[in-house]
C-alpha atoms as a PDB file:
ATOM      1  CA  MET A   1      22.380   7.014 -15.076  1.00  0.00           C
ATOM      2  CA  LYS A   2      18.389   7.427 -15.361  1.00  0.00           C
ATOM      3  CA  PHE A   3      17.328   6.060 -12.886  1.00  0.00           C
ATOM      4  CA  ASP A   4      18.020   6.389  -8.430  1.00  0.00           C
ATOM      5  CA  SER A   5      19.499   2.914  -8.011  1.00  0.00           C
ATOM      6  CA  SER A   6      18.532   2.948  -4.553  1.00  0.00           C
ATOM      7  CA  LEU A   7      15.125   2.181  -5.765  1.00  0.00           C
ATOM      8  CA  VAL A   8      14.639  -1.600  -6.615  1.00  0.00           C
ATOM      9  CA  GLY A   9      12.323  -3.118  -8.804  1.00  0.00           C
ATOM     10  CA  HIS A  10       9.290  -2.024 -11.460  1.00  0.00           C
ATOM     11  CA  LEU A  11      12.132  -1.122 -14.289  1.00  0.00           C
ATOM     12  CA  ALA A  12      10.184  -1.600 -16.872  1.00  0.00           C
ATOM     13  CA  ILE A  13       6.959   0.676 -15.640  1.00  0.00           C
ATOM     14  CA  ARG A  14       9.758   3.449 -15.093  1.00  0.00           C
ATOM     15  CA  GLU A  15      11.169   3.163 -18.422  1.00  0.00           C
ATOM     16  CA  ARG A  16       7.893   3.485 -19.934  1.00  0.00           C
ATOM     17  CA  LEU A  17       6.795   6.420 -17.873  1.00  0.00           C
ATOM     18  CA  LEU A  18      10.012   8.210 -18.125  1.00  0.00           C
ATOM     19  CA  ALA A  19       9.903   7.518 -22.005  1.00  0.00           C
ATOM     20  CA  ARG A  20       6.457   9.276 -22.220  1.00  0.00           C
ATOM     21  CA  LEU A  21       7.448  12.035 -20.120  1.00  0.00           C
ATOM     22  CA  GLU A  22      10.149  13.150 -22.204  1.00  0.00           C
ATOM     23  CA  ALA A  23       7.920  12.541 -25.387  1.00  0.00           C
ATOM     24  CA  GLU A  24       5.321  14.830 -23.674  1.00  0.00           C
ATOM     25  CA  ARG A  25       2.884  11.924 -23.500  1.00  0.00           C
ATOM     26  CA  LEU A  26       2.469  11.347 -20.141  1.00  0.00           C
ATOM     27  CA  PRO A  27      -1.519  12.341 -18.686  1.00  0.00           C
ATOM     28  CA  GLY A  28      -1.978  14.619 -16.029  1.00  0.00           C
ATOM     29  CA  SER A  29      -3.768  12.408 -13.761  1.00  0.00           C
ATOM     30  CA  LEU A  30      -2.598   8.936 -12.873  1.00  0.00           C
ATOM     31  CA  LEU A  31      -3.481   6.337 -10.399  1.00  0.00           C
ATOM     32  CA  PHE A  32      -0.643   4.205  -9.292  1.00  0.00           C
ATOM     33  CA  THR A  33      -2.056   0.791  -7.535  1.00  0.00           C
ATOM     34  CA  GLY A  34      -0.471  -2.464  -6.307  1.00  0.00           C
ATOM     35  CA  PRO A  35      -0.097  -3.915  -2.992  1.00  0.00           C
ATOM     36  CA  ASP A  36       1.322  -1.769  -0.032  1.00  0.00           C
ATOM     37  CA  GLY A  37       5.250  -1.510   0.584  1.00  0.00           C
ATOM     38  CA  ILE A  38       6.425  -2.492  -3.223  1.00  0.00           C
ATOM     39  CA  GLY A  39       7.914   1.011  -4.341  1.00  0.00           C
ATOM     40  CA  LYS A  40       4.619   2.957  -5.880  1.00  0.00           C
ATOM     41  CA  ARG A  41       5.519   5.858  -3.818  1.00  0.00           C
ATOM     42  CA  ARG A  42       9.228   5.813  -4.889  1.00  0.00           C
ATOM     43  CA  VAL A  43       8.505   5.373  -8.171  1.00  0.00           C
ATOM     44  CA  ALA A  44       5.915   8.217  -8.521  1.00  0.00           C
ATOM     45  CA  MET A  45       8.896  10.686  -6.326  1.00  0.00           C
ATOM     46  CA  GLU A  46      11.445   9.670  -8.726  1.00  0.00           C
ATOM     47  CA  LEU A  47       9.621  11.197 -11.907  1.00  0.00           C
ATOM     48  CA  ALA A  48       9.750  14.820  -9.974  1.00  0.00           C
ATOM     49  CA  GLN A  49      13.245  14.036  -8.429  1.00  0.00           C
ATOM     50  CA  ARG A  50      14.899  13.906 -11.829  1.00  0.00           C
ATOM     51  CA  GLU A  51      13.726  17.087 -12.836  1.00  0.00           C
ATOM     52  CA  LEU A  52      15.408  18.587  -9.579  1.00  0.00           C
ATOM     53  CA  CYS A  53      18.543  16.442  -9.564  1.00  0.00           C
ATOM     54  CA  PHE A  54      21.495  18.146 -10.314  1.00  0.00           C
ATOM     55  CA  ARG A  55      22.298  15.180 -12.988  1.00  0.00           C
ATOM     56  CA  ARG A  56      18.920  15.146 -14.075  1.00  0.00           C
ATOM     57  CA  SER A  57      18.626  11.625 -13.435  1.00  0.00           C
ATOM     58  CA  ALA A  58      17.110  10.631 -10.048  1.00  0.00           C
ATOM     59  CA  CYS A  59      20.744   9.992  -8.836  1.00  0.00           C
ATOM     60  CA  GLY A  60      20.115   9.945  -5.276  1.00  0.00           C
ATOM     61  CA  GLU A  61      23.164  11.233  -4.079  1.00  0.00           C
ATOM     62  CA  CYS A  62      23.046  15.374  -5.100  1.00  0.00           C
ATOM     63  CA  GLU A  63      21.461  17.536  -2.400  1.00  0.00           C
ATOM     64  CA  ALA A  64      18.618  18.062  -4.503  1.00  0.00           C
ATOM     65  CA  CYS A  65      17.808  14.124  -4.229  1.00  0.00           C
ATOM     66  CA  ARG A  66      18.852  14.410  -0.622  1.00  0.00           C
ATOM     67  CA  ALA A  67      15.993  16.616  -0.297  1.00  0.00           C
ATOM     68  CA  PHE A  68      13.412  14.364  -1.481  1.00  0.00           C
ATOM     69  CA  ALA A  69      15.058  11.221   0.583  1.00  0.00           C
ATOM     70  CA  GLU A  70      14.215  13.566   3.698  1.00  0.00           C
ATOM     71  CA  GLY A  71      10.705  13.624   3.197  1.00  0.00           C
ATOM     72  CA  VAL A  72      10.154  17.195   2.408  1.00  0.00           C
ATOM     73  CA  VAL A  73       6.600  18.029   1.739  1.00  0.00           C
ATOM     74  CA  GLU A  74       7.002  20.957  -0.685  1.00  0.00           C
ATOM     75  CA  LEU A  75       9.887  21.125  -2.968  1.00  0.00           C
ATOM     76  CA  PRO A  76       9.752  23.885  -5.905  1.00  0.00           C
ATOM     77  CA  ASN A  77       8.034  21.471  -8.244  1.00  0.00           C
ATOM     78  CA  PHE A  78       6.778  19.022  -5.776  1.00  0.00           C
ATOM     79  CA  LEU A  79       3.868  18.636  -3.538  1.00  0.00           C
ATOM     80  CA  ARG A  80       2.860  15.721  -1.300  1.00  0.00           C
ATOM     81  CA  ILE A  81      -0.451  15.255   0.329  1.00  0.00           C
ATOM     82  CA  ALA A  82      -0.772  12.423   2.775  1.00  0.00           C
ATOM     83  CA  PRO A  83      -3.243  11.246   5.545  1.00  0.00           C
ATOM     84  CA  GLU A  84      -3.200  13.043   8.900  1.00  0.00           C
ATOM     85  CA  GLY A  85      -4.443  12.917  12.315  1.00  0.00           C
ATOM     86  CA  LYS A  86      -5.809   9.963  14.310  1.00  0.00           C
ATOM     87  CA  ALA A  87      -8.368   9.133  11.603  1.00  0.00           C
ATOM     88  CA  GLY A  88      -6.070   9.183   8.994  1.00  0.00           C
ATOM     89  CA  VAL A  89      -7.677  10.823   6.524  1.00  0.00           C
ATOM     90  CA  ILE A  90      -7.227  13.569   3.727  1.00  0.00           C
ATOM     91  CA  LYS A  91      -9.175  16.782   4.658  1.00  0.00           C
ATOM     92  CA  ILE A  92     -10.593  19.277   2.214  1.00  0.00           C
ATOM     93  CA  GLY A  93      -8.466  21.507   4.056  1.00  0.00           C
ATOM     94  CA  MET A  94      -5.585  20.071   2.775  1.00  0.00           C
ATOM     95  CA  ILE A  95      -6.869  20.488  -0.596  1.00  0.00           C
ATOM     96  CA  ARG A  96      -8.875  23.724  -1.109  1.00  0.00           C
ATOM     97  CA  ASP A  97      -7.183  25.729   1.757  1.00  0.00           C
ATOM     98  CA  HIS A  98      -3.575  26.959   2.973  1.00  0.00           C
ATOM     99  CA  ASP A  99      -3.029  23.930   4.880  1.00  0.00           C
ATOM    100  CA  LEU A 100      -0.364  22.750   2.878  1.00  0.00           C
ATOM    101  CA  VAL A 101       0.398  26.130   0.146  1.00  0.00           C
ATOM    102  CA  GLU A 102      -0.405  29.375  -0.052  1.00  0.00           C
ATOM    103  CA  GLY A 103      -3.832  29.314  -2.003  1.00  0.00           C
ATOM    104  CA  GLY A 104      -4.782  25.833  -1.762  1.00  0.00           C
ATOM    105  CA  VAL A 105      -3.291  22.884  -3.856  1.00  0.00           C
ATOM    106  CA  ILE A 106      -5.435  23.845  -6.666  1.00  0.00           C
ATOM    107  CA  ALA A 107      -4.190  27.100  -6.719  1.00  0.00           C
ATOM    108  CA  TRP A 108      -0.634  25.622  -6.758  1.00  0.00           C
ATOM    109  CA  ALA A 109      -1.276  23.668  -9.392  1.00  0.00           C
ATOM    110  CA  PHE A 110      -2.154  26.355 -11.827  1.00  0.00           C
ATOM    111  CA  GLN A 111       0.649  27.908 -10.940  1.00  0.00           C
ATOM    112  CA  ALA A 112       3.669  27.803 -13.742  1.00  0.00           C
ATOM    113  CA  PRO A 113       6.368  25.264 -13.544  1.00  0.00           C
ATOM    114  CA  PRO A 114      10.190  25.864 -12.591  1.00  0.00           C
ATOM    115  CA  PRO A 115      12.042  26.146 -15.947  1.00  0.00           C
ATOM    116  CA  ARG A 116      12.305  22.825 -17.876  1.00  0.00           C
ATOM    117  CA  CYS A 117      10.412  21.289 -14.827  1.00  0.00           C
ATOM    118  CA  HIS A 118       6.599  19.947 -14.447  1.00  0.00           C
ATOM    119  CA  ARG A 119       4.715  20.752 -11.066  1.00  0.00           C
ATOM    120  CA  TRP A 120       4.262  16.985  -9.559  1.00  0.00           C
ATOM    121  CA  ILE A 121       1.580  16.787  -7.085  1.00  0.00           C
ATOM    122  CA  LEU A 122       1.726  13.047  -5.289  1.00  0.00           C
ATOM    123  CA  VAL A 123      -1.424  11.923  -3.234  1.00  0.00           C
ATOM    124  CA  GLU A 124      -0.494   9.322  -0.893  1.00  0.00           C
ATOM    125  CA  ASP A 125      -2.569   6.555   0.427  1.00  0.00           C
ATOM    126  CA  ALA A 126      -5.726   8.218  -2.181  1.00  0.00           C
ATOM    127  CA  HIS A 127      -8.394   5.781  -0.546  1.00  0.00           C
ATOM    128  CA  ARG A 128      -8.241   8.132   2.483  1.00  0.00           C
ATOM    129  CA  LEU A 129      -9.323  11.275   0.417  1.00  0.00           C
ATOM    130  CA  ASN A 130     -12.507  11.965   2.598  1.00  0.00           C
ATOM    131  CA  GLY A 131     -16.112  12.925   0.461  1.00  0.00           C
ATOM    132  CA  PRO A 132     -15.074  16.788   0.269  1.00  0.00           C
ATOM    133  CA  SER A 133     -11.599  16.354  -0.583  1.00  0.00           C
ATOM    134  CA  ALA A 134     -12.075  13.820  -3.301  1.00  0.00           C
ATOM    135  CA  ASN A 135     -14.971  15.988  -4.995  1.00  0.00           C
ATOM    136  CA  ILE A 136     -12.756  19.050  -4.862  1.00  0.00           C
ATOM    137  CA  LEU A 137     -10.318  17.357  -6.639  1.00  0.00           C
ATOM    138  CA  LEU A 138     -12.500  15.885  -9.492  1.00  0.00           C
ATOM    139  CA  LYS A 139     -12.566  18.323 -11.994  1.00  0.00           C
ATOM    140  CA  THR A 140      -9.034  19.368 -11.604  1.00  0.00           C
ATOM    141  CA  LEU A 141      -7.966  15.843 -12.409  1.00  0.00           C
ATOM    142  CA  GLU A 142     -10.099  15.377 -15.386  1.00  0.00           C
ATOM    143  CA  GLU A 143      -8.399  18.322 -17.332  1.00  0.00           C
ATOM    144  CA  PRO A 144      -5.083  18.866 -15.190  1.00  0.00           C
ATOM    145  CA  PRO A 145      -3.496  22.412 -16.319  1.00  0.00           C
ATOM    146  CA  PRO A 146      -0.608  22.336 -18.675  1.00  0.00           C
ATOM    147  CA  GLY A 147       2.839  20.663 -17.273  1.00  0.00           C
ATOM    148  CA  THR A 148       1.361  19.620 -13.992  1.00  0.00           C
ATOM    149  CA  HIS A 149       1.078  15.871 -13.189  1.00  0.00           C
ATOM    150  CA  PHE A 150      -1.247  14.545 -10.342  1.00  0.00           C
ATOM    151  CA  ILE A 151      -0.226  10.807  -9.039  1.00  0.00           C
ATOM    152  CA  LEU A 152      -2.686   9.432  -6.782  1.00  0.00           C
ATOM    153  CA  VAL A 153      -1.114   6.161  -5.082  1.00  0.00           C
ATOM    154  CA  THR A 154      -2.908   3.354  -3.363  1.00  0.00           C
ATOM    155  CA  HIS A 155      -3.094  -0.392  -2.549  1.00  0.00           C
ATOM    156  CA  ARG A 156      -7.344  -0.175  -2.309  1.00  0.00           C
ATOM    157  CA  PRO A 157      -8.116   1.278  -5.315  1.00  0.00           C
ATOM    158  CA  GLU A 158     -11.566  -0.076  -4.926  1.00  0.00           C
ATOM    159  CA  ALA A 159     -12.000   2.569  -1.713  1.00  0.00           C
ATOM    160  CA  VAL A 160     -11.294   5.221  -4.260  1.00  0.00           C
ATOM    161  CA  LEU A 161     -13.928   6.882  -5.393  1.00  0.00           C
ATOM    162  CA  GLN A 162     -15.250   5.806  -8.667  1.00  0.00           C
ATOM    163  CA  THR A 163     -15.416   8.797 -10.272  1.00  0.00           C
ATOM    164  CA  ILE A 164     -11.846   9.557  -9.529  1.00  0.00           C
ATOM    165  CA  ARG A 165     -10.445   6.357 -10.898  1.00  0.00           C
ATOM    166  CA  SER A 166     -12.255   7.096 -14.340  1.00  0.00           C
ATOM    167  CA  ARG A 167     -10.622  10.292 -14.446  1.00  0.00           C
ATOM    168  CA  CYS A 168      -7.281   8.801 -14.050  1.00  0.00           C
ATOM    169  CA  GLU A 169      -4.857   6.591 -16.190  1.00  0.00           C
ATOM    170  CA  ARG A 170      -3.844   3.349 -13.829  1.00  0.00           C
ATOM    171  CA  ILE A 171      -0.745   2.054 -13.517  1.00  0.00           C
ATOM    172  CA  ALA A 172      -0.876  -1.260 -11.730  1.00  0.00           C
ATOM    173  CA  PHE A 173       2.406  -2.389  -9.905  1.00  0.00           C
ATOM    174  CA  ALA A 174       3.060  -6.023  -9.434  1.00  0.00           C
ATOM    175  CA  PRO A 175       4.605  -7.469  -6.147  1.00  0.00           C
ATOM    176  CA  LEU A 176       8.722  -7.350  -6.178  1.00  0.00           C
ATOM    177  CA  GLY A 177      10.264 -10.740  -6.916  1.00  0.00           C
ATOM    178  CA  SER A 178      11.328 -12.754  -3.647  1.00  0.00           C
ATOM    179  CA  ASP A 179      15.161 -12.137  -4.971  1.00  0.00           C
ATOM    180  CA  GLU A 180      14.735  -8.033  -5.015  1.00  0.00           C
ATOM    181  CA  ALA A 181      12.785  -8.080  -2.160  1.00  0.00           C
ATOM    182  CA  TRP A 182      15.295  -9.947   0.016  1.00  0.00           C
ATOM    183  CA  ALA A 183      18.063  -7.610  -1.312  1.00  0.00           C
ATOM    184  CA  VAL A 184      16.603  -4.828   0.313  1.00  0.00           C
ATOM    185  CA  ALA A 185      15.995  -6.831   3.313  1.00  0.00           C
ATOM    186  CA  ARG A 186      19.448  -7.967   3.731  1.00  0.00           C
ATOM    187  CA  LYS A 187      20.850  -4.403   3.181  1.00  0.00           C
ATOM    188  CA  ALA A 188      18.571  -3.443   5.699  1.00  0.00           C
ATOM    189  CA  GLY A 189      20.374  -6.118   8.558  1.00  0.00           C
ATOM    190  CA  TRP A 190      18.364  -9.008   8.182  1.00  0.00           C
ATOM    191  CA  ALA A 191      19.956 -12.029   7.901  1.00  0.00           C
ATOM    192  CA  GLU A 192      19.987 -15.236   5.803  1.00  0.00           C
ATOM    193  CA  ALA A 193      18.154 -17.308   8.647  1.00  0.00           C
ATOM    194  CA  ASP A 194      15.179 -14.901   8.089  1.00  0.00           C
ATOM    195  CA  ARG A 195      15.380 -15.345   4.446  1.00  0.00           C
ATOM    196  CA  LEU A 196      12.465 -18.146   4.493  1.00  0.00           C
ATOM    197  CA  ARG A 197       9.881 -16.780   6.898  1.00  0.00           C
ATOM    198  CA  TRP A 198      10.637 -13.007   6.158  1.00  0.00           C
ATOM    199  CA  THR A 199       9.743 -13.698   2.388  1.00  0.00           C
ATOM    200  CA  ALA A 200       6.910 -15.894   3.059  1.00  0.00           C
ATOM    201  CA  LEU A 201       5.241 -12.789   5.380  1.00  0.00           C
ATOM    202  CA  SER A 202       6.437  -9.964   3.223  1.00  0.00           C
ATOM    203  CA  ALA A 203       4.999 -11.352  -0.353  1.00  0.00           C
ATOM    204  CA  GLY A 204       7.107  -9.140  -2.125  1.00  0.00           C
ATOM    205  CA  SER A 205       6.678  -6.085  -0.121  1.00  0.00           C
ATOM    206  CA  LEU A 206       9.289  -4.374   1.857  1.00  0.00           C
ATOM    207  CA  ARG A 207       6.493  -3.046   4.614  1.00  0.00           C
ATOM    208  CA  LEU A 208       7.956  -5.895   7.287  1.00  0.00           C
ATOM    209  CA  LEU A 209      11.610  -4.314   7.348  1.00  0.00           C
ATOM    210  CA  ASP A 210      11.331  -3.250  10.832  1.00  0.00           C
ATOM    211  CA  PRO A 211      11.782  -6.334  13.370  1.00  0.00           C
ATOM    212  CA  GLY A 212       8.922  -5.083  15.410  1.00  0.00           C
ATOM    213  CA  ASP A 213       6.340  -4.960  12.235  1.00  0.00           C
ATOM    214  CA  PHE A 214       7.480  -8.396  11.424  1.00  0.00           C
ATOM    215  CA  GLN A 215       7.025 -10.178  14.589  1.00  0.00           C
ATOM    216  CA  ARG A 216       3.325  -8.578  14.448  1.00  0.00           C
ATOM    217  CA  ALA A 217       2.764 -10.006  11.415  1.00  0.00           C
ATOM    218  CA  VAL A 218       4.043 -13.477  12.804  1.00  0.00           C
ATOM    219  CA  GLU A 219       1.992 -13.090  15.897  1.00  0.00           C
ATOM    220  CA  GLN A 220      -1.414 -12.358  13.519  1.00  0.00           C
ATOM    221  CA  LEU A 221      -0.710 -15.501  11.168  1.00  0.00           C
ATOM    222  CA  GLU A 222      -0.184 -17.613  13.814  1.00  0.00           C
ATOM    223  CA  ALA A 223      -3.603 -16.294  15.982  1.00  0.00           C
ATOM    224  CA  TRP A 224      -5.403 -17.132  12.695  1.00  0.00           C
ATOM    225  CA  LEU A 225      -3.630 -20.624  12.567  1.00  0.00           C
ATOM    226  CA  GLN A 226      -4.896 -20.937  16.232  1.00  0.00           C
ATOM    227  CA  LEU A 227      -8.485 -19.825  15.392  1.00  0.00           C
ATOM    228  CA  LEU A 228      -8.528 -21.745  12.305  1.00  0.00           C
ATOM    229  CA  GLU A 229      -7.886 -25.099  14.647  1.00  0.00           C
ATOM    230  CA  GLY A 230     -10.400 -24.526  16.816  1.00  0.00           C
ATOM    231  CA  GLY A 231      -8.698 -22.088  19.386  1.00  0.00           C
ATOM    232  CA  VAL A 232     -10.959 -19.405  21.882  1.00  0.00           C
ATOM    233  CA  PHE A 233     -11.222 -16.017  20.629  1.00  0.00           C
ATOM    234  CA  ALA A 234     -10.640 -14.731  23.900  1.00  0.00           C
ATOM    235  CA  ASP A 235      -7.526 -16.900  23.927  1.00  0.00           C
ATOM    236  CA  CYS A 236      -5.814 -16.406  20.422  1.00  0.00           C
ATOM    237  CA  ALA A 237      -6.992 -12.698  19.202  1.00  0.00           C
ATOM    238  CA  GLY A 238      -4.966 -10.407  21.039  1.00  0.00           C
ATOM    239  CA  PRO A 239      -2.382 -10.168  17.982  1.00  0.00           C
ATOM    240  CA  LEU A 240      -5.378  -9.287  15.574  1.00  0.00           C
ATOM    241  CA  LEU A 241      -7.037  -6.697  17.567  1.00  0.00           C
ATOM    242  CA  PRO A 242      -5.602  -2.898  16.798  1.00  0.00           C
ATOM    243  CA  ASP A 243      -3.519  -0.717  19.194  1.00  0.00           C
ATOM    244  CA  ARG A 244      -6.105   1.847  20.624  1.00  0.00           C
ATOM    245  CA  GLU A 245      -3.196   4.221  21.289  1.00  0.00           C
ATOM    246  CA  ALA A 246      -1.326   4.367  17.671  1.00  0.00           C
ATOM    247  CA  ALA A 247      -1.678   6.905  15.140  1.00  0.00           C
ATOM    248  CA  LEU A 248      -2.926   4.643  12.590  1.00  0.00           C
ATOM    249  CA  ALA A 249      -6.860   4.341  12.407  1.00  0.00           C
ATOM    250  CA  GLN A 250      -8.183   1.204  13.324  1.00  0.00           C
ATOM    251  CA  SER A 251      -9.142   0.693   9.748  1.00  0.00           C
ATOM    252  CA  GLU A 252      -5.644   0.532   8.529  1.00  0.00           C
ATOM    253  CA  GLN A 253      -4.598  -1.398  11.784  1.00  0.00           C
ATOM    254  CA  LEU A 254      -7.255  -4.535  10.166  1.00  0.00           C
ATOM    255  CA  ARG A 255      -6.099  -4.749   7.245  1.00  0.00           C
ATOM    256  CA  GLN A 256      -3.112  -6.439   7.441  1.00  0.00           C
ATOM    257  CA  PRO A 257      -4.869  -9.205   9.865  1.00  0.00           C
ATOM    258  CA  LEU A 258      -7.381 -10.031   7.390  1.00  0.00           C
ATOM    259  CA  GLU A 259      -4.607  -9.854   4.515  1.00  0.00           C
ATOM    260  CA  LEU A 260      -2.722 -12.641   6.325  1.00  0.00           C
ATOM    261  CA  LEU A 261      -6.252 -14.386   6.736  1.00  0.00           C
ATOM    262  CA  LEU A 262      -6.635 -14.545   2.644  1.00  0.00           C
ATOM    263  CA  ALA A 263      -3.127 -15.666   2.204  1.00  0.00           C
ATOM    264  CA  LEU A 264      -3.651 -18.603   4.870  1.00  0.00           C
ATOM    265  CA  LEU A 265      -7.003 -19.309   3.157  1.00  0.00           C
ATOM    266  CA  ALA A 266      -5.313 -19.449  -0.442  1.00  0.00           C
ATOM    267  CA  ASP A 267      -2.636 -21.471   0.684  1.00  0.00           C
ATOM    268  CA  LEU A 268      -5.113 -24.178   2.096  1.00  0.00           C
ATOM    269  CA  GLU A 269      -6.615 -24.321  -1.283  1.00  0.00           C
ATOM    270  CA  ARG A 270      -3.152 -24.789  -3.134  1.00  0.00           C
ATOM    271  CA  LEU A 271      -2.510 -27.615  -0.431  1.00  0.00           C
ATOM    272  CA  ARG A 272      -5.976 -29.217  -1.264  1.00  0.00           C
ATOM    273  CA  GLY A 273      -4.824 -28.910  -4.806  1.00  0.00           C
ATOM    274  CA  GLY A 274      -1.434 -30.360  -4.490  1.00  0.00           C
ATOM    275  CA  SER A 275       0.722 -27.410  -4.885  1.00  0.00           C
ATOM    276  CA  GLU A 276       3.173 -26.020  -2.174  1.00  0.00           C
ATOM    277  CA  PRO A 277       2.179 -23.258   0.356  1.00  0.00           C
ATOM    278  CA  ALA A 278       3.138 -19.701  -0.068  1.00  0.00           C
ATOM    279  CA  ALA A 279       3.946 -19.797   3.690  1.00  0.00           C
ATOM    280  CA  LEU A 280       5.915 -22.917   3.291  1.00  0.00           C
ATOM    281  CA  PRO A 281       7.180 -22.351   7.035  1.00  0.00           C
ATOM    282  CA  TRP A 282       4.081 -22.829   8.545  1.00  0.00           C
ATOM    283  CA  ALA A 283       2.912 -26.150   6.476  1.00  0.00           C
ATOM    284  CA  ALA A 284       3.238 -28.460   8.936  1.00  0.00           C
ATOM    285  CA  ARG A 285       0.275 -26.634  10.533  1.00  0.00           C
ATOM    286  CA  LEU A 286      -1.542 -26.199   7.342  1.00  0.00           C
ATOM    287  CA  ALA A 287      -1.482 -29.509   5.718  1.00  0.00           C
ATOM    288  CA  PRO A 288      -4.240 -30.886   8.397  1.00  0.00           C
ATOM    289  CA  LEU A 289      -6.226 -28.038   7.779  1.00  0.00           C
ATOM    290  CA  SER A 290      -6.388 -28.593   4.091  1.00  0.00           C
ATOM    291  CA  ALA A 291      -7.356 -32.211   4.466  1.00  0.00           C
ATOM    292  CA  SER A 292     -10.548 -31.067   7.410  1.00  0.00           C
ATOM    293  CA  PRO A 293     -13.950 -30.187   5.785  1.00  0.00           C
ATOM    294  CA  LEU A 294     -13.429 -26.878   6.300  1.00  0.00           C
ATOM    295  CA  ASP A 295     -15.521 -24.619   4.323  1.00  0.00           C
ATOM    296  CA  LEU A 296     -12.693 -21.986   2.375  1.00  0.00           C
ATOM    297  CA  ARG A 297     -15.053 -20.077   0.118  1.00  0.00           C
ATOM    298  CA  ALA A 298     -17.527 -19.131   3.321  1.00  0.00           C
ATOM    299  CA  LEU A 299     -14.588 -17.774   5.210  1.00  0.00           C
ATOM    300  CA  GLN A 300     -12.930 -15.698   2.090  1.00  0.00           C
ATOM    301  CA  GLU A 301     -16.146 -14.235   1.091  1.00  0.00           C
ATOM    302  CA  LEU A 302     -16.855 -13.023   4.493  1.00  0.00           C
ATOM    303  CA  ALA A 303     -12.973 -11.516   4.897  1.00  0.00           C
ATOM    304  CA  TYR A 304     -13.203 -10.156   1.523  1.00  0.00           C
ATOM    305  CA  LEU A 305     -16.353  -8.263   2.931  1.00  0.00           C
ATOM    306  CA  ALA A 306     -14.982  -7.066   5.666  1.00  0.00           C
ATOM    307  CA  MET A 307     -11.608  -5.732   3.526  1.00  0.00           C
ATOM    308  CA  ARG A 308     -14.320  -3.801   1.445  1.00  0.00           C
ATOM    309  CA  HIS A 309     -16.015  -2.191   4.407  1.00  0.00           C
ATOM    310  CA  LEU A 310     -13.022  -1.195   5.993  1.00  0.00           C
ATOM    311  CA  VAL A 311     -13.173   2.166   4.517  1.00  0.00           C
ATOM    312  CA  ARG A 312     -16.380   2.661   6.802  1.00  0.00           C
ATOM    313  CA  ASN A 313     -14.108   2.132   9.676  1.00  0.00           C
ATOM    314  CA  PRO A 314     -15.780  -0.631  11.398  1.00  0.00           C
ATOM    315  CA  VAL A 315     -15.121  -1.536  15.075  1.00  0.00           C
ATOM    316  CA  ALA A 316     -12.516  -4.329  15.258  1.00  0.00           C
ATOM    317  CA  GLU A 317     -13.501  -6.633  17.882  1.00  0.00           C
ATOM    318  CA  PRO A 318     -17.196  -7.446  16.857  1.00  0.00           C
ATOM    319  CA  LEU A 319     -15.823  -7.987  12.842  1.00  0.00           C
ATOM    320  CA  LEU A 320     -12.779 -10.228  13.932  1.00  0.00           C
ATOM    321  CA  ARG A 321     -15.596 -12.429  16.207  1.00  0.00           C
ATOM    322  CA  GLU A 322     -17.634 -12.635  13.584  1.00  0.00           C
ATOM    323  CA  ILE A 323     -14.898 -14.245  11.233  1.00  0.00           C
ATOM    324  CA  ALA A 324     -13.786 -16.508  14.246  1.00  0.00           C
ATOM    325  CA  LEU A 325     -17.372 -17.984  14.523  1.00  0.00           C
ATOM    326  CA  THR A 326     -17.789 -18.222  10.808  1.00  0.00           C
ATOM    327  CA  MET A 327     -14.702 -20.499  11.021  1.00  0.00           C
ATOM    328  CA  ARG A 328     -16.356 -22.266  13.771  1.00  0.00           C
ATOM    329  CA  SER A 329     -19.393 -23.073  11.395  1.00  0.00           C
ATOM    330  CA  ALA A 330     -17.022 -23.975   8.442  1.00  0.00           C
ATOM    331  CA  ALA A 331     -15.085 -26.168  10.321  1.00  0.00           C
ATOM    332  CA  LYS A 332     -18.224 -27.851  11.000  1.00  0.00           C
ATOM    333  CA  VAL A 333     -19.592 -28.357   7.359  1.00  0.00           C
END
């Protein structure tokens, strides 16, 4: 067995990465991109995991593999860096100082790896590197020490510094197939009666496995539908607004409703072109909207602009109100 059997999908990418690693042709700096919740981080961990796995295969069953599954931050050849705090950012102290390892991450990267291993540094949500932490990584990413691999993972590559993107080889991940994603959901306890709505909203990811997360996505999608149908912002927008008490930054909480809006607008375009919408369970509500004079392009441009500005952590309610007002104007075209 060469791969962790519990990890679903992306087999072609995993095979190429392993072949390049075994041939010593894997670059020292990689950028994994693709939608949130599709397994990019797990693929990155699998590369390091097989070097500690007792069977050298990332079997997912031995004691070393269980340590990976339990989310241990530092292992003999593996270090995870992830956003922290209310703002959800990766600060310079996590890279330069002793927050994670003695001497800092850069010094750790230059230490000799264990026998028959490489050193692996996984940067999760790399778009959350703040300016100082990103800048201190630049030189090392350009010339990583021999035997060390940095893997930066992000679903928002446009928010990663261009200078960092240029120093990494980009590996693009596609969403999981609907059957692949549903196989994981079914194993997690989802019933067949939920399949159509779950697969429509999950869009090839696993980020809605938790029933609470799924229900929030349903409420957000239906809030957008109400606003598109002419609903009043104060009456409809509750599910779209971030939870001020949540640990996740407001900008990160805004991402999902904006993605759902863009998905709805894409479905309206599909219907106008005579195709079936991806959000098939909501087709009856989408059909009259597709036949209306709604200016989809104006709404798409505003939604994309809002997505690009999330890195600046905008105040949520004014941003959402602006989109709702644009909906009203777009409906009058």
